[in-house]
C-alpha atoms as a PDB file:
ATOM      1  CA  MET A   1      -0.136   0.034  -0.014  1.00  0.00           C
ATOM      2  CA  SER A   2       2.915   2.552   0.512  1.00  0.00           C
ATOM      3  CA  GLY A   3       5.160   3.405  -2.369  1.00  0.00           C
ATOM      4  CA  GLY A   4       3.981   0.728  -4.703  1.00  0.00           C
ATOM      5  CA  LEU A   5       1.270   2.104  -6.757  1.00  0.00           C
ATOM      6  CA  TRP A   6      -1.837   4.744  -6.372  1.00  0.00           C
ATOM      7  CA  GLU A   7      -4.966   2.665  -5.704  1.00  0.00           C
ATOM      8  CA  TYR A   8      -8.112   4.111  -7.332  1.00  0.00           C
ATOM      9  CA  VAL A   9     -10.949   4.413  -4.869  1.00  0.00           C
ATOM     10  CA  MET A  10     -14.629   4.224  -5.655  1.00  0.00           C
ATOM     11  CA  ALA A  11     -15.857   7.889  -4.247  1.00  0.00           C
ATOM     12  CA  VAL A  12     -17.659  10.317  -6.829  1.00  0.00           C
ATOM     13  CA  LEU A  13     -17.851  14.112  -7.216  1.00  0.00           C
ATOM     14  CA  SER A  14     -21.179  15.404  -7.087  1.00  0.00           C
ATOM     15  CA  ASP A  15     -22.063  18.398  -9.815  1.00  0.00           C
ATOM     16  CA  SER A  16     -23.475  21.787  -8.482  1.00  0.00           C
ATOM     17  CA  GLN A  17     -26.784  20.337  -7.692  1.00  0.00           C
ATOM     18  CA  GLY A  18     -25.520  17.186  -6.012  1.00  0.00           C
ATOM     19  CA  GLU A  19     -26.036  14.583  -8.285  1.00  0.00           C
ATOM     20  CA  PRO A  20     -22.842  12.289  -9.191  1.00  0.00           C
ATOM     21  CA  VAL A  21     -20.769  13.027 -12.163  1.00  0.00           C
ATOM     22  CA  SER A  22     -19.139  10.579 -14.673  1.00  0.00           C
ATOM     23  CA  GLY A  23     -16.190  12.348 -15.167  1.00  0.00           C
ATOM     24  CA  ARG A  24     -14.678  15.257 -17.040  1.00  0.00           C
ATOM     25  CA  ASN A  25     -15.305  14.337 -20.753  1.00  0.00           C
ATOM     26  CA  SER A  26     -15.592  11.671 -22.813  1.00  0.00           C
ATOM     27  CA  LEU A  27     -12.017  10.732 -22.498  1.00  0.00           C
ATOM     28  CA  TYR A  28     -11.665  10.868 -18.596  1.00  0.00           C
ATOM     29  CA  ASN A  29     -14.573   9.434 -17.259  1.00  0.00           C
ATOM     30  CA  SER A  30     -15.995   6.814 -15.120  1.00  0.00           C
ATOM     31  CA  GLY A  31     -18.150   4.791 -17.346  1.00  0.00           C
ATOM     32  CA  PHE A  32     -20.702   5.569 -14.902  1.00  0.00           C
ATOM     33  CA  ASN A  33     -24.077   7.335 -16.476  1.00  0.00           C
ATOM     34  CA  GLY A  34     -23.694  10.890 -15.689  1.00  0.00           C
ATOM     35  CA  LYS A  35     -22.400  14.497 -16.686  1.00  0.00           C
ATOM     36  CA  LEU A  36     -19.338  15.576 -17.851  1.00  0.00           C
ATOM     37  CA  LEU A  37     -18.019  18.806 -16.397  1.00  0.00           C
ATOM     38  CA  TYR A  38     -16.129  19.393 -19.175  1.00  0.00           C
ATOM     39  CA  PRO A  39     -17.079  18.210 -22.460  1.00  0.00           C
ATOM     40  CA  ASP A  40     -14.693  19.895 -24.592  1.00  0.00           C
ATOM     41  CA  TRP A  41     -11.490  19.984 -22.504  1.00  0.00           C
ATOM     42  CA  ASP A  42      -8.326  17.487 -23.164  1.00  0.00           C
ATOM     43  CA  ASN A  43      -9.030  18.145 -27.089  1.00  0.00           C
ATOM     44  CA  ASP A  44     -11.904  16.290 -26.676  1.00  0.00           C
ATOM     45  CA  THR A  45     -13.860  16.682 -30.095  1.00  0.00           C
ATOM     46  CA  SER A  46     -16.864  14.604 -29.556  1.00  0.00           C
ATOM     47  CA  GLY A  47     -19.465  16.549 -28.276  1.00  0.00           C
ATOM     48  CA  ILE A  48     -20.921  13.922 -25.633  1.00  0.00           C
ATOM     49  CA  THR A  49     -22.069  16.238 -22.549  1.00  0.00           C
ATOM     50  CA  GLU A  50     -23.266  13.016 -20.251  1.00  0.00           C
ATOM     51  CA  ILE A  51     -22.720   9.476 -20.474  1.00  0.00           C
ATOM     52  CA  ILE A  52     -26.505   7.951 -21.105  1.00  0.00           C
ATOM     53  CA  ASN A  53     -25.418   4.133 -21.980  1.00  0.00           C
ATOM     54  CA  GLY A  54     -22.945   3.192 -19.240  1.00  0.00           C
ATOM     55  CA  TYR A  55     -23.231   1.522 -16.342  1.00  0.00           C
ATOM     56  CA  ASP A  56     -25.780   2.575 -13.276  1.00  0.00           C
ATOM     57  CA  TYR A  57     -24.014   3.516 -10.180  1.00  0.00           C
ATOM     58  CA  PRO A  58     -24.444   1.099  -7.609  1.00  0.00           C
ATOM     59  CA  GLU A  59     -26.224   1.410  -4.352  1.00  0.00           C
ATOM     60  CA  PRO A  60     -24.947   5.012  -2.394  1.00  0.00           C
ATOM     61  CA  LYS A  61     -23.723   2.862   0.181  1.00  0.00           C
ATOM     62  CA  TYR A  62     -20.892   1.395  -1.697  1.00  0.00           C
ATOM     63  CA  TYR A  63     -18.940   4.891  -2.555  1.00  0.00           C
ATOM     64  CA  ASP A  64     -18.248   8.064  -0.682  1.00  0.00           C
ATOM     65  CA  VAL A  65     -20.050  11.120  -2.885  1.00  0.00           C
ATOM     66  CA  TYR A  66     -17.732  14.549  -2.366  1.00  0.00           C
ATOM     67  CA  LYS A  67     -19.469  17.640  -2.482  1.00  0.00           C
ATOM     68  CA  TYR A  68     -18.881  19.755  -5.816  1.00  0.00           C
ATOM     69  CA  GLY A  69     -16.141  22.051  -4.965  1.00  0.00           C
ATOM     70  CA  SER A  70     -13.023  23.588  -6.983  1.00  0.00           C
ATOM     71  CA  GLY A  71      -9.129  23.043  -5.690  1.00  0.00           C
ATOM     72  CA  GLU A  72      -7.151  20.601  -4.660  1.00  0.00           C
ATOM     73  CA  THR A  73      -6.930  22.294  -1.323  1.00  0.00           C
ATOM     74  CA  ASN A  74     -10.454  22.693  -0.144  1.00  0.00           C
ATOM     75  CA  TYR A  75     -10.084  19.662   2.416  1.00  0.00           C
ATOM     76  CA  THR A  76     -13.029  21.316   4.121  1.00  0.00           C
ATOM     77  CA  ARG A  77     -15.086  18.491   1.579  1.00  0.00           C
ATOM     78  CA  ARG A  78     -13.084  15.359   3.400  1.00  0.00           C
ATOM     79  CA  ILE A  79     -15.360  12.556   4.555  1.00  0.00           C
ATOM     80  CA  LEU A  80     -14.577  10.735   7.837  1.00  0.00           C
ATOM     81  CA  GLY A  81     -14.316   7.174   7.244  1.00  0.00           C
ATOM     82  CA  ASP A  82     -12.506   7.159   3.811  1.00  0.00           C
ATOM     83  CA  ALA A  83      -9.147   8.194   4.715  1.00  0.00           C
ATOM     84  CA  THR A  84      -9.320  11.946   3.484  1.00  0.00           C
ATOM     85  CA  GLY A  85     -11.090  12.785   6.622  1.00  0.00           C
ATOM     86  CA  GLU A  86      -8.624  11.427   8.927  1.00  0.00           C
ATOM     87  CA  ILE A  87      -5.320  12.759   7.610  1.00  0.00           C
ATOM     88  CA  GLY A  88      -5.191  16.417   8.296  1.00  0.00           C
ATOM     89  CA  PRO A  89      -4.471  19.340   9.203  1.00  0.00           C
ATOM     90  CA  PHE A  90      -2.734  20.176   5.968  1.00  0.00           C
ATOM     91  CA  GLU A  91      -0.128  22.463   5.226  1.00  0.00           C
ATOM     92  CA  ASP A  92       1.641  23.667   1.923  1.00  0.00           C
ATOM     93  CA  ILE A  93       5.067  23.107   1.239  1.00  0.00           C
ATOM     94  CA  ALA A  94       6.597  24.140  -2.351  1.00  0.00           C
ATOM     95  CA  ALA A  95       9.002  20.855  -2.242  1.00  0.00           C
ATOM     96  CA  LEU A  96       8.221  19.523  -5.451  1.00  0.00           C
ATOM     97  CA  THR A  97       7.445  20.865  -9.226  1.00  0.00           C
ATOM     98  CA  GLN A  98       4.287  22.206  -8.014  1.00  0.00           C
ATOM     99  CA  THR A  99       3.138  23.135  -4.121  1.00  0.00           C
ATOM    100  CA  SER A 100       2.859  19.254  -2.537  1.00  0.00           C
ATOM    101  CA  HIS A 101       0.170  19.515   0.202  1.00  0.00           C
ATOM    102  CA  ILE A 102       1.500  17.459   3.296  1.00  0.00           C
ATOM    103  CA  SER A 103      -0.785  15.715   5.363  1.00  0.00           C
ATOM    104  CA  SER A 104      -0.037  15.846   9.651  1.00  0.00           C
ATOM    105  CA  TRP A 105       0.398  12.037   9.467  1.00  0.00           C
ATOM    106  CA  HIS A 106       3.889  11.036   8.435  1.00  0.00           C
ATOM    107  CA  ASP A 107       3.846  13.745   5.927  1.00  0.00           C
ATOM    108  CA  ASP A 108       1.777  11.875   3.198  1.00  0.00           C
ATOM    109  CA  LYS A 109       0.905  13.864   0.046  1.00  0.00           C
ATOM    110  CA  ALA A 110      -2.664  14.912   0.193  1.00  0.00           C
ATOM    111  CA  THR A 111      -4.997  16.460  -2.515  1.00  0.00           C
ATOM    112  CA  MET A 112      -8.587  16.392  -2.705  1.00  0.00           C
ATOM    113  CA  VAL A 113     -10.721  15.651  -5.451  1.00  0.00           C
ATOM    114  CA  SER A 114     -12.155  19.019  -7.408  1.00  0.00           C
ATOM    115  CA  ASN A 115     -14.093  19.891 -10.222  1.00  0.00           C
ATOM    116  CA  VAL A 116     -11.038  19.408 -12.570  1.00  0.00           C
ATOM    117  CA  ASN A 117      -9.729  16.465 -10.891  1.00  0.00           C
ATOM    118  CA  LEU A 118     -12.636  14.225  -9.951  1.00  0.00           C
ATOM    119  CA  TRP A 119     -10.974  10.982  -8.781  1.00  0.00           C
ATOM    120  CA  ILE A 120      -9.327  10.161  -5.474  1.00  0.00           C
ATOM    121  CA  ARG A 121      -6.748   7.748  -5.141  1.00  0.00           C
ATOM    122  CA  ARG A 122      -4.332   6.202  -1.897  1.00  0.00           C
ATOM    123  CA  GLY A 123      -0.803   4.871  -1.296  1.00  0.00           C
ATOM    124  CA  ALA A 124       1.428   6.719  -4.208  1.00  0.00           C
ATOM    125  CA  HIS A 125       4.187   5.571  -6.571  1.00  0.00           C
ATOM    126  CA  ALA A 126       7.637   4.556  -5.526  1.00  0.00           C
ATOM    127  CA  SER A 127       8.672   7.693  -7.602  1.00  0.00           C
ATOM    128  CA  ASP A 128       6.937   9.888  -5.063  1.00  0.00           C
ATOM    129  CA  GLY A 129       9.732   9.095  -2.407  1.00  0.00           C
ATOM    130  CA  LEU A 130       8.728  10.659   0.633  1.00  0.00           C
ATOM    131  CA  ASN A 131       5.729  11.764  -0.017  1.00  0.00           C
ATOM    132  CA  ALA A 132       4.465   8.066  -0.835  1.00  0.00           C
ATOM    133  CA  GLY A 133       2.786   6.014   2.005  1.00  0.00           C
ATOM    134  CA  VAL A 134      -0.412   4.456   3.630  1.00  0.00           C
ATOM    135  CA  PHE A 135      -2.053   7.981   4.439  1.00  0.00           C
ATOM    136  CA  ALA A 136      -1.241   9.460   1.052  1.00  0.00           C
ATOM    137  CA  CYS A 137      -4.208  10.396  -1.173  1.00  0.00           C
ATOM    138  CA  SER A 138      -4.076  12.618  -4.335  1.00  0.00           C
ATOM    139  CA  SER A 139      -6.524  13.336  -6.904  1.00  0.00           C
ATOM    140  CA  ILE A 140      -6.400  13.025 -10.434  1.00  0.00           C
ATOM    141  CA  ASN A 141      -8.151  13.481 -13.810  1.00  0.00           C
ATOM    142  CA  GLY A 142      -9.149   9.667 -14.569  1.00  0.00           C
ATOM    143  CA  GLU A 143      -6.434   8.795 -17.193  1.00  0.00           C
ATOM    144  CA  LEU A 144      -4.761   5.577 -17.150  1.00  0.00           C
ATOM    145  CA  ASN A 145      -1.179   5.614 -16.452  1.00  0.00           C
ATOM    146  CA  ASN A 146       1.473   2.959 -15.478  1.00  0.00           C
ATOM    147  CA  ASP A 147       1.329   4.013 -11.855  1.00  0.00           C
ATOM    148  CA  SER A 148      -2.087   3.547 -10.609  1.00  0.00           C
ATOM    149  CA  SER A 149      -4.181   0.264 -10.124  1.00  0.00           C
ATOM    150  CA  PHE A 150      -6.908  -0.773  -7.752  1.00  0.00           C
ATOM    151  CA  ARG A 151      -7.564  -2.976  -5.379  1.00  0.00           C
ATOM    152  CA  LEU A 152     -10.600  -5.381  -4.919  1.00  0.00           C
ATOM    153  CA  ILE A 153     -12.328  -5.064  -1.324  1.00  0.00           C
ATOM    154  CA  LEU A 154     -15.148  -7.475  -0.062  1.00  0.00           C
ATOM    155  CA  THR A 155     -16.780  -6.556   3.120  1.00  0.00           C
ATOM    156  CA  PRO A 156     -19.447  -8.683   4.816  1.00  0.00           C
END
């Protein structure tokens, strides 16, 4: 969990009306039915503004819904119980290529989902060095890359 790969979490950002969104655009989306927040970003020329032929979201008890908001440092939207709520308070440290948001728990990286980066992942990649750790969380746009994975968890 620490310093292997980032692991995607089943969590959803809501739109400004409180409805779960599918993603940023047709290139970066979850495959679940819902609105796309920025349908013409990232060279997306599809004209698709909403996923309607995807999967229905599972029952809400199986995922967290983050309130709509901008800014990866808006920690007021964190949720107690999913690891984003347990890791504060936060401070900004300009240590990497951009400002890193370091949590008080073992100095692990912490950025929140936002209207631009709609997914949350945990753990960090080995290349994140000291920012990696079991308390690390980071937002991402949903792109495929070789430093992210997922983990299946069964709960009775």
